[in-house]
Amino acid sequence: MHQTAFPDLADEATACRIIGGENTPIHRSTLWRGINAGRYPKPLKIGPATNRWRVNELMAVLEKAAADRDGRAA
């Protein structure tokens, strides 16, 4: 199968780095508070103790934040 058939998935640590930045990732508790508040996307449950996030959904959060900051419609 072609690799692009699968979405890029991020684990918890990677999701924290995507949202907060490579040098200043958010804390995992901040990620989960944001999920519970509806600010960040819910993870995909891959297994009983395995969560993954779609990278494009995390990037969309950043795009929306930038649009909101700039007063543009996202």
PDB file of N, CA and C in Angstrom:
ATOM      1  N   MET A   1       0.837  -1.195   0.000  1.00  0.00           N
ATOM      2  CA  MET A   1       0.000   0.000   0.000  1.00  0.00           C
ATOM      3  C   MET A   1       0.871   1.243   0.000  1.00  0.00           C
ATOM      4  N   HIS A   2       0.341   2.277  -0.548  1.00  0.00           N
ATOM      5  CA  HIS A   2       1.045   3.554  -0.602  1.00  0.00           C
ATOM      6  C   HIS A   2       0.945   4.243   0.751  1.00  0.00           C
ATOM      7  N   GLN A   3       2.025   4.797   1.240  1.00  0.00           N
ATOM      8  CA  GLN A   3       2.080   5.394   2.569  1.00  0.00           C
ATOM      9  C   GLN A   3       1.101   6.548   2.752  1.00  0.00           C
ATOM     10  N   THR A   4       0.814   7.316   1.710  1.00  0.00           N
ATOM     11  CA  THR A   4      -0.083   8.456   1.859  1.00  0.00           C
ATOM     12  C   THR A   4      -1.528   8.038   2.085  1.00  0.00           C
ATOM     13  N   ALA A   5      -1.831   6.738   1.997  1.00  0.00           N
ATOM     14  CA  ALA A   5      -3.180   6.267   2.256  1.00  0.00           C
ATOM     15  C   ALA A   5      -3.523   6.358   3.738  1.00  0.00           C
ATOM     16  N   PHE A   6      -2.489   6.514   4.596  1.00  0.00           N
ATOM     17  CA  PHE A   6      -2.701   6.580   6.037  1.00  0.00           C
ATOM     18  C   PHE A   6      -2.419   7.990   6.536  1.00  0.00           C
ATOM     19  N   PRO A   7      -3.265   8.476   7.441  1.00  0.00           N
ATOM     20  CA  PRO A   7      -3.001   9.809   7.979  1.00  0.00           C
ATOM     21  C   PRO A   7      -1.762   9.775   8.875  1.00  0.00           C
ATOM     22  N   ASP A   8      -1.050  10.892   8.927  1.00  0.00           N
ATOM     23  CA  ASP A   8       0.062  10.992   9.862  1.00  0.00           C
ATOM     24  C   ASP A   8      -0.512  11.058  11.267  1.00  0.00           C
ATOM     25  N   LEU A   9      -0.031  10.175  12.129  1.00  0.00           N
ATOM     26  CA  LEU A   9      -0.530  10.108  13.492  1.00  0.00           C
ATOM     27  C   LEU A   9       0.560  10.520  14.467  1.00  0.00           C
ATOM     28  N   ALA A  10       0.149  11.172  15.545  1.00  0.00           N
ATOM     29  CA  ALA A  10       1.080  11.642  16.566  1.00  0.00           C
ATOM     30  C   ALA A  10       0.729  11.009  17.902  1.00  0.00           C
ATOM     31  N   ASP A  11       1.759  10.619  18.648  1.00  0.00           N
ATOM     32  CA  ASP A  11       1.521  10.146  20.004  1.00  0.00           C
ATOM     33  C   ASP A  11       1.358  11.365  20.923  1.00  0.00           C
ATOM     34  N   GLU A  12       1.159  11.119  22.219  1.00  0.00           N
ATOM     35  CA  GLU A  12       0.892  12.215  23.153  1.00  0.00           C
ATOM     36  C   GLU A  12       2.036  13.228  23.198  1.00  0.00           C
ATOM     37  N   ALA A  13       3.258  12.738  23.288  1.00  0.00           N
ATOM     38  CA  ALA A  13       4.405  13.649  23.367  1.00  0.00           C
ATOM     39  C   ALA A  13       4.531  14.492  22.093  1.00  0.00           C
ATOM     40  N   THR A  14       4.296  13.876  20.952  1.00  0.00           N
ATOM     41  CA  THR A  14       4.371  14.607  19.690  1.00  0.00           C
ATOM     42  C   THR A  14       3.245  15.632  19.593  1.00  0.00           C
ATOM     43  N   ALA A  15       2.049  15.273  20.045  1.00  0.00           N
ATOM     44  CA  ALA A  15       0.927  16.219  20.050  1.00  0.00           C
ATOM     45  C   ALA A  15       1.265  17.436  20.904  1.00  0.00           C
ATOM     46  N   CYS A  16       1.912  17.204  22.045  1.00  0.00           N
ATOM     47  CA  CYS A  16       2.308  18.318  22.915  1.00  0.00           C
ATOM     48  C   CYS A  16       3.335  19.209  22.234  1.00  0.00           C
ATOM     49  N   ARG A  17       4.253  18.618  21.464  1.00  0.00           N
ATOM     50  CA  ARG A  17       5.261  19.405  20.742  1.00  0.00           C
ATOM     51  C   ARG A  17       4.648  20.161  19.571  1.00  0.00           C
ATOM     52  N   ILE A  18       3.674  19.562  18.907  1.00  0.00           N
ATOM     53  CA  ILE A  18       3.024  20.246  17.782  1.00  0.00           C
ATOM     54  C   ILE A  18       2.282  21.481  18.274  1.00  0.00           C
ATOM     55  N   ILE A  19       1.546  21.337  19.356  1.00  0.00           N
ATOM     56  CA  ILE A  19       0.747  22.457  19.860  1.00  0.00           C
ATOM     57  C   ILE A  19       1.624  23.521  20.510  1.00  0.00           C
ATOM     58  N   GLY A  20       2.601  23.101  21.301  1.00  0.00           N
ATOM     59  CA  GLY A  20       3.403  24.071  22.038  1.00  0.00           C
ATOM     60  C   GLY A  20       4.668  24.523  21.341  1.00  0.00           C
ATOM     61  N   GLY A  21       5.144  23.723  20.412  1.00  0.00           N
ATOM     62  CA  GLY A  21       6.397  24.026  19.732  1.00  0.00           C
ATOM     63  C   GLY A  21       7.471  23.038  20.161  1.00  0.00           C
ATOM     64  N   GLU A  22       8.424  22.834  19.309  1.00  0.00           N
ATOM     65  CA  GLU A  22       9.488  21.860  19.561  1.00  0.00           C
ATOM     66  C   GLU A  22      10.281  22.198  20.821  1.00  0.00           C
ATOM     67  N   ASN A  23      10.583  23.474  21.014  1.00  0.00           N
ATOM     68  CA  ASN A  23      11.405  23.880  22.161  1.00  0.00           C
ATOM     69  C   ASN A  23      10.607  24.115  23.427  1.00  0.00           C
ATOM     70  N   THR A  24       9.300  24.328  23.288  1.00  0.00           N
ATOM     71  CA  THR A  24       8.465  24.622  24.457  1.00  0.00           C
ATOM     72  C   THR A  24       7.152  23.842  24.386  1.00  0.00           C
ATOM     73  N   PRO A  25       7.207  22.510  24.381  1.00  0.00           N
ATOM     74  CA  PRO A  25       5.960  21.745  24.276  1.00  0.00           C
ATOM     75  C   PRO A  25       5.060  21.991  25.481  1.00  0.00           C
ATOM     76  N   ILE A  26       3.769  21.869  25.242  1.00  0.00           N
ATOM     77  CA  ILE A  26       2.839  21.976  26.366  1.00  0.00           C
ATOM     78  C   ILE A  26       2.962  20.702  27.206  1.00  0.00           C
ATOM     79  N   HIS A  27       2.540  20.768  28.448  1.00  0.00           N
ATOM     80  CA  HIS A  27       2.556  19.611  29.336  1.00  0.00           C
ATOM     81  C   HIS A  27       1.385  18.707  28.977  1.00  0.00           C
ATOM     82  N   ARG A  28       1.553  17.420  29.217  1.00  0.00           N
ATOM     83  CA  ARG A  28       0.483  16.467  28.872  1.00  0.00           C
ATOM     84  C   ARG A  28      -0.824  16.801  29.592  1.00  0.00           C
ATOM     85  N   SER A  29      -0.757  17.316  30.830  1.00  0.00           N
ATOM     86  CA  SER A  29      -1.993  17.676  31.532  1.00  0.00           C
ATOM     87  C   SER A  29      -2.682  18.856  30.844  1.00  0.00           C
ATOM     88  N   THR A  30      -1.896  19.762  30.252  1.00  0.00           N
ATOM     89  CA  THR A  30      -2.465  20.878  29.498  1.00  0.00           C
ATOM     90  C   THR A  30      -3.169  20.357  28.254  1.00  0.00           C
ATOM     91  N   LEU A  31      -2.572  19.377  27.604  1.00  0.00           N
ATOM     92  CA  LEU A  31      -3.210  18.751  26.441  1.00  0.00           C
ATOM     93  C   LEU A  31      -4.569  18.185  26.822  1.00  0.00           C
ATOM     94  N   TRP A  32      -4.614  17.417  27.894  1.00  0.00           N
ATOM     95  CA  TRP A  32      -5.873  16.770  28.290  1.00  0.00           C
ATOM     96  C   TRP A  32      -6.906  17.773  28.798  1.00  0.00           C
ATOM     97  N   ARG A  33      -6.473  18.834  29.478  1.00  0.00           N
ATOM     98  CA  ARG A  33      -7.428  19.883  29.868  1.00  0.00           C
ATOM     99  C   ARG A  33      -8.014  20.543  28.631  1.00  0.00           C
ATOM    100  N   GLY A  34      -7.172  20.783  27.616  1.00  0.00           N
ATOM    101  CA  GLY A  34      -7.641  21.372  26.368  1.00  0.00           C
ATOM    102  C   GLY A  34      -8.618  20.464  25.632  1.00  0.00           C
ATOM    103  N   ILE A  35      -8.375  19.166  25.678  1.00  0.00           N
ATOM    104  CA  ILE A  35      -9.289  18.202  25.056  1.00  0.00           C
ATOM    105  C   ILE A  35     -10.637  18.242  25.773  1.00  0.00           C
ATOM    106  N   ASN A  36     -10.590  18.206  27.105  1.00  0.00           N
ATOM    107  CA  ASN A  36     -11.832  18.223  27.882  1.00  0.00           C
ATOM    108  C   ASN A  36     -12.610  19.520  27.710  1.00  0.00           C
ATOM    109  N   ALA A  37     -11.892  20.621  27.436  1.00  0.00           N
ATOM    110  CA  ALA A  37     -12.542  21.922  27.224  1.00  0.00           C
ATOM    111  C   ALA A  37     -12.987  22.117  25.779  1.00  0.00           C
ATOM    112  N   GLY A  38     -12.592  21.213  24.883  1.00  0.00           N
ATOM    113  CA  GLY A  38     -12.972  21.328  23.484  1.00  0.00           C
ATOM    114  C   GLY A  38     -12.009  22.169  22.647  1.00  0.00           C
ATOM    115  N   ARG A  39     -10.875  22.590  23.217  1.00  0.00           N
ATOM    116  CA  ARG A  39      -9.894  23.387  22.465  1.00  0.00           C
ATOM    117  C   ARG A  39      -9.052  22.528  21.530  1.00  0.00           C
ATOM    118  N   TYR A  40      -8.766  21.296  21.931  1.00  0.00           N
ATOM    119  CA  TYR A  40      -7.923  20.395  21.147  1.00  0.00           C
ATOM    120  C   TYR A  40      -8.742  19.176  20.737  1.00  0.00           C
ATOM    121  N   PRO A  41      -8.387  18.558  19.627  1.00  0.00           N
ATOM    122  CA  PRO A  41      -9.155  17.396  19.160  1.00  0.00           C
ATOM    123  C   PRO A  41      -8.966  16.177  20.062  1.00  0.00           C
ATOM    124  N   LYS A  42     -10.006  15.382  20.148  1.00  0.00           N
ATOM    125  CA  LYS A  42      -9.922  14.130  20.904  1.00  0.00           C
ATOM    126  C   LYS A  42      -9.034  13.151  20.137  1.00  0.00           C
ATOM    127  N   PRO A  43      -8.348  12.291  20.872  1.00  0.00           N
ATOM    128  CA  PRO A  43      -7.478  11.323  20.194  1.00  0.00           C
ATOM    129  C   PRO A  43      -8.282  10.166  19.611  1.00  0.00           C
ATOM    130  N   LEU A  44      -7.633   9.454  18.711  1.00  0.00           N
ATOM    131  CA  LEU A  44      -8.172   8.190  18.216  1.00  0.00           C
ATOM    132  C   LEU A  44      -7.706   7.114  19.180  1.00  0.00           C
ATOM    133  N   LYS A  45      -8.602   6.253  19.630  1.00  0.00           N
ATOM    134  CA  LYS A  45      -8.231   5.147  20.511  1.00  0.00           C
ATOM    135  C   LYS A  45      -7.750   4.006  19.626  1.00  0.00           C
ATOM    136  N   ILE A  46      -6.449   3.743  19.641  1.00  0.00           N
ATOM    137  CA  ILE A  46      -5.859   2.677  18.840  1.00  0.00           C
ATOM    138  C   ILE A  46      -5.880   1.367  19.607  1.00  0.00           C
ATOM    139  N   GLY A  47      -5.755   1.443  20.914  1.00  0.00           N
ATOM    140  CA  GLY A  47      -5.758   0.267  21.781  1.00  0.00           C
ATOM    141  C   GLY A  47      -6.196   0.683  23.167  1.00  0.00           C
ATOM    142  N   PRO A  48      -6.204  -0.244  24.123  1.00  0.00           N
ATOM    143  CA  PRO A  48      -6.685   0.073  25.473  1.00  0.00           C
ATOM    144  C   PRO A  48      -5.930   1.230  26.131  1.00  0.00           C
ATOM    145  N   ALA A  49      -4.646   1.342  25.885  1.00  0.00           N
ATOM    146  CA  ALA A  49      -3.855   2.412  26.492  1.00  0.00           C
ATOM    147  C   ALA A  49      -3.078   3.180  25.430  1.00  0.00           C
ATOM    148  N   THR A  50      -3.591   3.193  24.209  1.00  0.00           N
ATOM    149  CA  THR A  50      -2.871   3.833  23.111  1.00  0.00           C
ATOM    150  C   THR A  50      -3.764   4.847  22.417  1.00  0.00           C
ATOM    151  N   ASN A  51      -3.331   6.110  22.483  1.00  0.00           N
ATOM    152  CA  ASN A  51      -4.036   7.200  21.817  1.00  0.00           C
ATOM    153  C   ASN A  51      -3.145   7.784  20.737  1.00  0.00           C
ATOM    154  N   ARG A  52      -3.753   8.220  19.647  1.00  0.00           N
ATOM    155  CA  ARG A  52      -3.031   8.900  18.587  1.00  0.00           C
ATOM    156  C   ARG A  52      -3.902  10.042  18.076  1.00  0.00           C
ATOM    157  N   TRP A  53      -3.220  11.111  17.666  1.00  0.00           N
ATOM    158  CA  TRP A  53      -3.908  12.271  17.106  1.00  0.00           C
ATOM    159  C   TRP A  53      -3.535  12.405  15.644  1.00  0.00           C
ATOM    160  N   ARG A  54      -4.461  12.844  14.835  1.00  0.00           N
ATOM    161  CA  ARG A  54      -4.154  13.148  13.437  1.00  0.00           C
ATOM    162  C   ARG A  54      -3.416  14.478  13.406  1.00  0.00           C
ATOM    163  N   VAL A  55      -2.251  14.466  12.796  1.00  0.00           N
ATOM    164  CA  VAL A  55      -1.417  15.662  12.742  1.00  0.00           C
ATOM    165  C   VAL A  55      -2.172  16.811  12.079  1.00  0.00           C
ATOM    166  N   ASN A  56      -2.933  16.519  11.030  1.00  0.00           N
ATOM    167  CA  ASN A  56      -3.656  17.602  10.343  1.00  0.00           C
ATOM    168  C   ASN A  56      -4.692  18.251  11.257  1.00  0.00           C
ATOM    169  N   GLU A  57      -5.283  17.497  12.183  1.00  0.00           N
ATOM    170  CA  GLU A  57      -6.243  18.084  13.123  1.00  0.00           C
ATOM    171  C   GLU A  57      -5.533  18.988  14.131  1.00  0.00           C
ATOM    172  N   LEU A  58      -4.347  18.584  14.570  1.00  0.00           N
ATOM    173  CA  LEU A  58      -3.575  19.420  15.492  1.00  0.00           C
ATOM    174  C   LEU A  58      -3.124  20.704  14.794  1.00  0.00           C
ATOM    175  N   MET A  59      -2.698  20.586  13.553  1.00  0.00           N
ATOM    176  CA  MET A  59      -2.266  21.764  12.793  1.00  0.00           C
ATOM    177  C   MET A  59      -3.444  22.719  12.563  1.00  0.00           C
ATOM    178  N   ALA A  60      -4.635  22.173  12.389  1.00  0.00           N
ATOM    179  CA  ALA A  60      -5.827  23.002  12.198  1.00  0.00           C
ATOM    180  C   ALA A  60      -6.097  23.852  13.445  1.00  0.00           C
ATOM    181  N   VAL A  61      -5.796  23.324  14.627  1.00  0.00           N
ATOM    182  CA  VAL A  61      -5.956  24.086  15.866  1.00  0.00           C
ATOM    183  C   VAL A  61      -5.054  25.315  15.826  1.00  0.00           C
ATOM    184  N   LEU A  62      -3.811  25.118  15.383  1.00  0.00           N
ATOM    185  CA  LEU A  62      -2.875  26.239  15.300  1.00  0.00           C
ATOM    186  C   LEU A  62      -3.314  27.259  14.251  1.00  0.00           C
ATOM    187  N   GLU A  63      -3.802  26.778  13.122  1.00  0.00           N
ATOM    188  CA  GLU A  63      -4.283  27.684  12.069  1.00  0.00           C
ATOM    189  C   GLU A  63      -5.465  28.507  12.564  1.00  0.00           C
ATOM    190  N   LYS A  64      -6.372  27.873  13.298  1.00  0.00           N
ATOM    191  CA  LYS A  64      -7.529  28.582  13.833  1.00  0.00           C
ATOM    192  C   LYS A  64      -7.093  29.623  14.855  1.00  0.00           C
ATOM    193  N   ALA A  65      -6.123  29.269  15.715  1.00  0.00           N
ATOM    194  CA  ALA A  65      -5.633  30.223  16.710  1.00  0.00           C
ATOM    195  C   ALA A  65      -5.002  31.436  16.025  1.00  0.00           C
ATOM    196  N   ALA A  66      -4.242  31.197  14.962  1.00  0.00           N
ATOM    197  CA  ALA A  66      -3.627  32.304  14.223  1.00  0.00           C
ATOM    198  C   ALA A  66      -4.688  33.171  13.556  1.00  0.00           C
ATOM    199  N   ALA A  67      -5.703  32.536  12.987  1.00  0.00           N
ATOM    200  CA  ALA A  67      -6.788  33.289  12.339  1.00  0.00           C
ATOM    201  C   ALA A  67      -7.554  34.115  13.364  1.00  0.00           C
ATOM    202  N   ASP A  68      -7.829  33.529  14.538  1.00  0.00           N
ATOM    203  CA  ASP A  68      -8.529  34.254  15.592  1.00  0.00           C
ATOM    204  C   ASP A  68      -7.709  35.443  16.074  1.00  0.00           C
ATOM    205  N   ARG A  69      -6.406  35.225  16.202  1.00  0.00           N
ATOM    206  CA  ARG A  69      -5.510  36.290  16.649  1.00  0.00           C
ATOM    207  C   ARG A  69      -5.505  37.450  15.660  1.00  0.00           C
ATOM    208  N   ASP A  70      -5.511  37.106  14.387  1.00  0.00           N
ATOM    209  CA  ASP A  70      -5.451  38.117  13.345  1.00  0.00           C
ATOM    210  C   ASP A  70      -6.821  38.683  12.975  1.00  0.00           C
ATOM    211  N   GLY A  71      -7.863  38.188  13.622  1.00  0.00           N
ATOM    212  CA  GLY A  71      -9.201  38.696  13.358  1.00  0.00           C
ATOM    213  C   GLY A  71      -9.790  38.233  12.048  1.00  0.00           C
ATOM    214  N   ARG A  72      -9.285  37.097  11.549  1.00  0.00           N
ATOM    215  CA  ARG A  72      -9.785  36.545  10.282  1.00  0.00           C
ATOM    216  C   ARG A  72     -10.682  35.354  10.573  1.00  0.00           C
ATOM    217  N   ALA A  73     -11.539  35.053   9.639  1.00  0.00           N
ATOM    218  CA  ALA A  73     -12.351  33.836   9.753  1.00  0.00           C
ATOM    219  C   ALA A  73     -11.467  32.659   9.401  1.00  0.00           C
ATOM    220  N   ALA A  74     -11.574  31.585  10.194  1.00  0.00           N
ATOM    221  CA  ALA A  74     -10.745  30.392   9.926  1.00  0.00           C
ATOM    222  C   ALA A  74     -11.341  29.541   8.855  1.00  0.00           C
TER     223      ALA A  74
END
